[in-house]
């Protein structure tokens, strides 16, 4: 089953304030990375997109990823 997660961009400085910087939505099938969807967006938009994609995939989770 596919799932969408929100992850920080690698360019985000490690000492940044949580939930700032640029984020991306990544799509996984099980543990396998499938694709990245819409790089370089703010966290609120990334979370909304991940939630929408997870709903379309039939998941009930919010889609908050490892970086959130």
PDB file of N, CA and C in Angstrom:
ATOM      1  N   UNK A   1       0.841  -1.177   0.000  1.00  0.00           N
ATOM      2  CA  UNK A   1       0.000   0.000   0.000  1.00  0.00           C
ATOM      3  C   UNK A   1       0.891   1.247   0.000  1.00  0.00           C
ATOM      4  N   UNK A   2       0.453   2.246  -0.718  1.00  0.00           N
ATOM      5  CA  UNK A   2       1.178   3.509  -0.775  1.00  0.00           C
ATOM      6  C   UNK A   2       0.886   4.358   0.457  1.00  0.00           C
ATOM      7  N   UNK A   3       1.862   5.216   0.805  1.00  0.00           N
ATOM      8  CA  UNK A   3       1.656   6.189   1.873  1.00  0.00           C
ATOM      9  C   UNK A   3       2.495   7.428   1.566  1.00  0.00           C
ATOM     10  N   UNK A   4       2.009   8.572   2.000  1.00  0.00           N
ATOM     11  CA  UNK A   4       2.718   9.835   1.809  1.00  0.00           C
ATOM     12  C   UNK A   4       3.228  10.310   3.158  1.00  0.00           C
ATOM     13  N   UNK A   5       4.454  10.829   3.181  1.00  0.00           N
ATOM     14  CA  UNK A   5       5.046  11.364   4.395  1.00  0.00           C
ATOM     15  C   UNK A   5       5.656  12.724   4.105  1.00  0.00           C
ATOM     16  N   UNK A   6       5.741  13.538   5.136  1.00  0.00           N
ATOM     17  CA  UNK A   6       6.351  14.852   5.044  1.00  0.00           C
ATOM     18  C   UNK A   6       7.757  14.734   5.626  1.00  0.00           C
ATOM     19  N   UNK A   7       8.759  15.182   4.859  1.00  0.00           N
ATOM     20  CA  UNK A   7      10.143  15.120   5.311  1.00  0.00           C
ATOM     21  C   UNK A   7      10.828  16.452   5.034  1.00  0.00           C
ATOM     22  N   UNK A   8      11.780  16.831   5.882  1.00  0.00           N
ATOM     23  CA  UNK A   8      12.507  18.083   5.628  1.00  0.00           C
ATOM     24  C   UNK A   8      13.423  17.938   4.424  1.00  0.00           C
ATOM     25  N   UNK A   9      13.638  19.025   3.728  1.00  0.00           N
ATOM     26  CA  UNK A   9      14.584  19.025   2.624  1.00  0.00           C
ATOM     27  C   UNK A   9      15.991  18.851   3.198  1.00  0.00           C
ATOM     28  N   UNK A  10      16.872  18.169   2.494  1.00  0.00           N
ATOM     29  CA  UNK A  10      18.240  18.002   3.002  1.00  0.00           C
ATOM     30  C   UNK A  10      18.968  19.331   3.166  1.00  0.00           C
ATOM     31  N   UNK A  11      18.511  20.355   2.473  1.00  0.00           N
ATOM     32  CA  UNK A  11      19.159  21.662   2.555  1.00  0.00           C
ATOM     33  C   UNK A  11      18.779  22.424   3.823  1.00  0.00           C
ATOM     34  N   UNK A  12      17.786  21.929   4.588  1.00  0.00           N
ATOM     35  CA  UNK A  12      17.419  22.600   5.838  1.00  0.00           C
ATOM     36  C   UNK A  12      18.599  22.522   6.802  1.00  0.00           C
ATOM     37  N   UNK A  13      18.990  23.648   7.391  1.00  0.00           N
ATOM     38  CA  UNK A  13      20.096  23.594   8.353  1.00  0.00           C
ATOM     39  C   UNK A  13      19.701  22.762   9.577  1.00  0.00           C
ATOM     40  N   UNK A  14      20.624  21.968  10.123  1.00  0.00           N
ATOM     41  CA  UNK A  14      20.282  21.089  11.246  1.00  0.00           C
ATOM     42  C   UNK A  14      19.877  21.840  12.517  1.00  0.00           C
ATOM     43  N   UNK A  15      20.283  23.091  12.645  1.00  0.00           N
ATOM     44  CA  UNK A  15      19.953  23.857  13.848  1.00  0.00           C
ATOM     45  C   UNK A  15      18.736  24.760  13.652  1.00  0.00           C
ATOM     46  N   UNK A  16      17.934  24.486  12.627  1.00  0.00           N
ATOM     47  CA  UNK A  16      16.772  25.328  12.341  1.00  0.00           C
ATOM     48  C   UNK A  16      15.692  25.160  13.403  1.00  0.00           C
ATOM     49  N   UNK A  17      14.813  26.117  13.469  1.00  0.00           N
ATOM     50  CA  UNK A  17      13.656  26.039  14.360  1.00  0.00           C
ATOM     51  C   UNK A  17      12.725  24.962  13.812  1.00  0.00           C
ATOM     52  N   UNK A  18      12.182  24.079  14.677  1.00  0.00           N
ATOM     53  CA  UNK A  18      11.279  23.035  14.174  1.00  0.00           C
ATOM     54  C   UNK A  18      10.130  23.617  13.351  1.00  0.00           C
ATOM     55  N   UNK A  19       9.769  22.909  12.286  1.00  0.00           N
ATOM     56  CA  UNK A  19       8.658  23.261  11.406  1.00  0.00           C
ATOM     57  C   UNK A  19       8.936  24.497  10.549  1.00  0.00           C
ATOM     58  N   UNK A  20      10.196  24.892  10.414  1.00  0.00           N
ATOM     59  CA  UNK A  20      10.545  25.967   9.485  1.00  0.00           C
ATOM     60  C   UNK A  20      11.366  25.366   8.361  1.00  0.00           C
ATOM     61  N   UNK A  21      11.759  26.180   7.426  1.00  0.00           N
ATOM     62  CA  UNK A  21      12.533  25.682   6.295  1.00  0.00           C
ATOM     63  C   UNK A  21      11.623  25.087   5.237  1.00  0.00           C
ATOM     64  N   UNK A  22      12.236  24.414   4.298  1.00  0.00           N
ATOM     65  CA  UNK A  22      11.491  23.831   3.189  1.00  0.00           C
ATOM     66  C   UNK A  22      11.303  22.338   3.413  1.00  0.00           C
ATOM     67  N   UNK A  23      10.181  21.836   2.917  1.00  0.00           N
ATOM     68  CA  UNK A  23       9.801  20.442   3.136  1.00  0.00           C
ATOM     69  C   UNK A  23       9.388  19.813   1.820  1.00  0.00           C
ATOM     70  N   UNK A  24       9.284  18.491   1.810  1.00  0.00           N
ATOM     71  CA  UNK A  24       8.830  17.766   0.629  1.00  0.00           C
ATOM     72  C   UNK A  24       7.870  16.672   1.069  1.00  0.00           C
ATOM     73  N   UNK A  25       7.042  16.236   0.136  1.00  0.00           N
ATOM     74  CA  UNK A  25       6.145  15.115   0.364  1.00  0.00           C
ATOM     75  C   UNK A  25       6.727  13.944  -0.428  1.00  0.00           C
ATOM     76  N   UNK A  26       6.962  12.829   0.262  1.00  0.00           N
ATOM     77  CA  UNK A  26       7.513  11.652  -0.400  1.00  0.00           C
ATOM     78  C   UNK A  26       6.491  10.523  -0.359  1.00  0.00           C
ATOM     79  N   UNK A  27       6.481   9.728  -1.401  1.00  0.00           N
ATOM     80  CA  UNK A  27       5.540   8.614  -1.540  1.00  0.00           C
ATOM     81  C   UNK A  27       6.327   7.312  -1.373  1.00  0.00           C
ATOM     82  N   UNK A  28       5.809   6.434  -0.519  1.00  0.00           N
ATOM     83  CA  UNK A  28       6.415   5.122  -0.299  1.00  0.00           C
ATOM     84  C   UNK A  28       5.397   4.035  -0.625  1.00  0.00           C
ATOM     85  N   UNK A  29       5.903   2.894  -1.069  1.00  0.00           N
ATOM     86  CA  UNK A  29       5.096   1.686  -1.191  1.00  0.00           C
ATOM     87  C   UNK A  29       5.728   0.701  -0.221  1.00  0.00           C
ATOM     88  N   UNK A  30       5.084   0.489   0.919  1.00  0.00           N
ATOM     89  CA  UNK A  30       5.713  -0.268   1.994  1.00  0.00           C
ATOM     90  C   UNK A  30       6.913   0.520   2.493  1.00  0.00           C
ATOM     91  N   UNK A  31       8.101  -0.091   2.469  1.00  0.00           N
ATOM     92  CA  UNK A  31       9.327   0.605   2.855  1.00  0.00           C
ATOM     93  C   UNK A  31      10.096   1.142   1.658  1.00  0.00           C
ATOM     94  N   UNK A  32       9.595   0.909   0.462  1.00  0.00           N
ATOM     95  CA  UNK A  32      10.296   1.305  -0.760  1.00  0.00           C
ATOM     96  C   UNK A  32       9.894   2.710  -1.193  1.00  0.00           C
ATOM     97  N   UNK A  33      10.904   3.584  -1.389  1.00  0.00           N
ATOM     98  CA  UNK A  33      10.666   4.934  -1.891  1.00  0.00           C
ATOM     99  C   UNK A  33      10.155   4.844  -3.321  1.00  0.00           C
ATOM    100  N   UNK A  34       9.084   5.593  -3.616  1.00  0.00           N
ATOM    101  CA  UNK A  34       8.521   5.598  -4.972  1.00  0.00           C
ATOM    102  C   UNK A  34       8.846   6.907  -5.679  1.00  0.00           C
ATOM    103  N   UNK A  35       8.487   8.034  -5.075  1.00  0.00           N
ATOM    104  CA  UNK A  35       8.743   9.321  -5.724  1.00  0.00           C
ATOM    105  C   UNK A  35       8.604  10.455  -4.719  1.00  0.00           C
ATOM    106  N   UNK A  36       9.069  11.619  -5.136  1.00  0.00           N
ATOM    107  CA  UNK A  36       8.903  12.848  -4.362  1.00  0.00           C
ATOM    108  C   UNK A  36       7.859  13.685  -5.063  1.00  0.00           C
ATOM    109  N   UNK A  37       6.972  14.280  -4.290  1.00  0.00           N
ATOM    110  CA  UNK A  37       5.918  15.098  -4.855  1.00  0.00           C
ATOM    111  C   UNK A  37       6.047  16.524  -4.324  1.00  0.00           C
ATOM    112  N   UNK A  38       6.247  17.460  -5.196  1.00  0.00           N
ATOM    113  CA  UNK A  38       6.291  18.885  -4.870  1.00  0.00           C
ATOM    114  C   UNK A  38       7.361  19.242  -3.840  1.00  0.00           C
ATOM    115  N   UNK A  39       8.590  19.290  -4.280  1.00  0.00           N
ATOM    116  CA  UNK A  39       9.692  19.743  -3.432  1.00  0.00           C
ATOM    117  C   UNK A  39       9.527  21.221  -3.081  1.00  0.00           C
ATOM    118  N   UNK A  40      10.202  21.607  -2.026  1.00  0.00           N
ATOM    119  CA  UNK A  40      10.348  23.018  -1.662  1.00  0.00           C
ATOM    120  C   UNK A  40       9.039  23.725  -1.329  1.00  0.00           C
ATOM    121  N   UNK A  41       8.312  23.213  -0.368  1.00  0.00           N
ATOM    122  CA  UNK A  41       7.092  23.886   0.084  1.00  0.00           C
ATOM    123  C   UNK A  41       7.128  24.013   1.604  1.00  0.00           C
ATOM    124  N   UNK A  42       6.315  24.914   2.137  1.00  0.00           N
ATOM    125  CA  UNK A  42       6.262  25.110   3.580  1.00  0.00           C
ATOM    126  C   UNK A  42       5.538  23.932   4.228  1.00  0.00           C
ATOM    127  N   UNK A  43       5.798  23.720   5.518  1.00  0.00           N
ATOM    128  CA  UNK A  43       5.306  22.542   6.230  1.00  0.00           C
ATOM    129  C   UNK A  43       3.779  22.423   6.190  1.00  0.00           C
ATOM    130  N   UNK A  44       3.058  23.519   6.348  1.00  0.00           N
ATOM    131  CA  UNK A  44       1.590  23.430   6.389  1.00  0.00           C
ATOM    132  C   UNK A  44       1.028  22.918   5.061  1.00  0.00           C
ATOM    133  N   UNK A  45       1.579  23.379   3.952  1.00  0.00           N
ATOM    134  CA  UNK A  45       1.122  22.902   2.642  1.00  0.00           C
ATOM    135  C   UNK A  45       1.536  21.453   2.428  1.00  0.00           C
ATOM    136  N   UNK A  46       2.719  21.091   2.864  1.00  0.00           N
ATOM    137  CA  UNK A  46       3.191  19.710   2.718  1.00  0.00           C
ATOM    138  C   UNK A  46       2.305  18.753   3.507  1.00  0.00           C
ATOM    139  N   UNK A  47       1.946  19.127   4.727  1.00  0.00           N
ATOM    140  CA  UNK A  47       1.079  18.270   5.538  1.00  0.00           C
ATOM    141  C   UNK A  47      -0.302  18.111   4.917  1.00  0.00           C
ATOM    142  N   UNK A  48      -0.855  19.190   4.383  1.00  0.00           N
ATOM    143  CA  UNK A  48      -2.171  19.099   3.732  1.00  0.00           C
ATOM    144  C   UNK A  48      -2.108  18.192   2.502  1.00  0.00           C
ATOM    145  N   UNK A  49      -1.054  18.342   1.710  1.00  0.00           N
ATOM    146  CA  UNK A  49      -0.909  17.505   0.522  1.00  0.00           C
ATOM    147  C   UNK A  49      -0.740  16.039   0.910  1.00  0.00           C
ATOM    148  N   UNK A  50       0.071  15.761   1.915  1.00  0.00           N
ATOM    149  CA  UNK A  50       0.272  14.381   2.359  1.00  0.00           C
ATOM    150  C   UNK A  50      -1.038  13.785   2.880  1.00  0.00           C
ATOM    151  N   UNK A  51      -1.800  14.582   3.621  1.00  0.00           N
ATOM    152  CA  UNK A  51      -3.078  14.094   4.133  1.00  0.00           C
ATOM    153  C   UNK A  51      -4.034  13.779   2.979  1.00  0.00           C
ATOM    154  N   UNK A  52      -4.070  14.646   1.979  1.00  0.00           N
ATOM    155  CA  UNK A  52      -4.930  14.415   0.812  1.00  0.00           C
ATOM    156  C   UNK A  52      -4.507  13.151   0.073  1.00  0.00           C
ATOM    157  N   UNK A  53      -3.201  12.989  -0.149  1.00  0.00           N
ATOM    158  CA  UNK A  53      -2.711  11.806  -0.857  1.00  0.00           C
ATOM    159  C   UNK A  53      -3.004  10.529  -0.073  1.00  0.00           C
ATOM    160  N   UNK A  54      -2.808  10.569   1.241  1.00  0.00           N
ATOM    161  CA  UNK A  54      -3.091   9.393   2.061  1.00  0.00           C
ATOM    162  C   UNK A  54      -4.571   9.025   1.999  1.00  0.00           C
ATOM    163  N   UNK A  55      -5.439  10.020   1.967  1.00  0.00           N
ATOM    164  CA  UNK A  55      -6.871   9.756   1.823  1.00  0.00           C
ATOM    165  C   UNK A  55      -7.139   9.076   0.485  1.00  0.00           C
ATOM    166  N   UNK A  56      -6.502   9.590  -0.584  1.00  0.00           N
ATOM    167  CA  UNK A  56      -6.673   8.987  -1.912  1.00  0.00           C
ATOM    168  C   UNK A  56      -6.131   7.558  -1.951  1.00  0.00           C
ATOM    169  N   UNK A  57      -5.067   7.292  -1.180  1.00  0.00           N
ATOM    170  CA  UNK A  57      -4.488   5.950  -1.126  1.00  0.00           C
ATOM    171  C   UNK A  57      -5.296   5.022  -0.231  1.00  0.00           C
ATOM    172  N   UNK A  58      -6.274   5.554   0.491  1.00  0.00           N
ATOM    173  CA  UNK A  58      -7.094   4.738   1.370  1.00  0.00           C
ATOM    174  C   UNK A  58      -6.550   4.602   2.774  1.00  0.00           C
ATOM    175  N   UNK A  59      -5.576   5.447   3.133  1.00  0.00           N
ATOM    176  CA  UNK A  59      -5.003   5.437   4.486  1.00  0.00           C
ATOM    177  C   UNK A  59      -5.789   6.371   5.387  1.00  0.00           C
ATOM    178  N   UNK A  60      -5.774   6.092   6.671  1.00  0.00           N
ATOM    179  CA  UNK A  60      -6.477   6.950   7.615  1.00  0.00           C
ATOM    180  C   UNK A  60      -5.535   7.800   8.450  1.00  0.00           C
ATOM    181  N   UNK A  61      -4.209   7.707   8.211  1.00  0.00           N
ATOM    182  CA  UNK A  61      -3.244   8.503   8.966  1.00  0.00           C
ATOM    183  C   UNK A  61      -3.144   9.892   8.378  1.00  0.00           C
ATOM    184  N   UNK A  62      -2.573  10.799   9.136  1.00  0.00           N
ATOM    185  CA  UNK A  62      -2.470  12.183   8.710  1.00  0.00           C
ATOM    186  C   UNK A  62      -1.341  12.452   7.725  1.00  0.00           C
ATOM    187  N   UNK A  63      -0.362  11.563   7.641  1.00  0.00           N
ATOM    188  CA  UNK A  63       0.718  11.788   6.690  1.00  0.00           C
ATOM    189  C   UNK A  63       1.863  12.605   7.232  1.00  0.00           C
ATOM    190  N   UNK A  64       1.916  12.808   8.541  1.00  0.00           N
ATOM    191  CA  UNK A  64       3.048  13.522   9.110  1.00  0.00           C
ATOM    192  C   UNK A  64       4.236  12.596   9.106  1.00  0.00           C
ATOM    193  N   UNK A  65       5.329  13.091   8.581  1.00  0.00           N
ATOM    194  CA  UNK A  65       6.486  12.233   8.406  1.00  0.00           C
ATOM    195  C   UNK A  65       7.487  12.293   9.531  1.00  0.00           C
ATOM    196  N   UNK A  66       8.657  11.796   9.228  1.00  0.00           N
ATOM    197  CA  UNK A  66       9.714  11.677  10.221  1.00  0.00           C
ATOM    198  C   UNK A  66      10.169  13.035  10.730  1.00  0.00           C
ATOM    199  N   UNK A  67      10.090  14.066   9.916  1.00  0.00           N
ATOM    200  CA  UNK A  67      10.591  15.371  10.312  1.00  0.00           C
ATOM    201  C   UNK A  67       9.583  16.221  11.060  1.00  0.00           C
ATOM    202  N   UNK A  68       8.362  15.800  11.179  1.00  0.00           N
ATOM    203  CA  UNK A  68       7.335  16.632  11.803  1.00  0.00           C
ATOM    204  C   UNK A  68       7.195  16.332  13.274  1.00  0.00           C
TER     205      UNK A  68
END
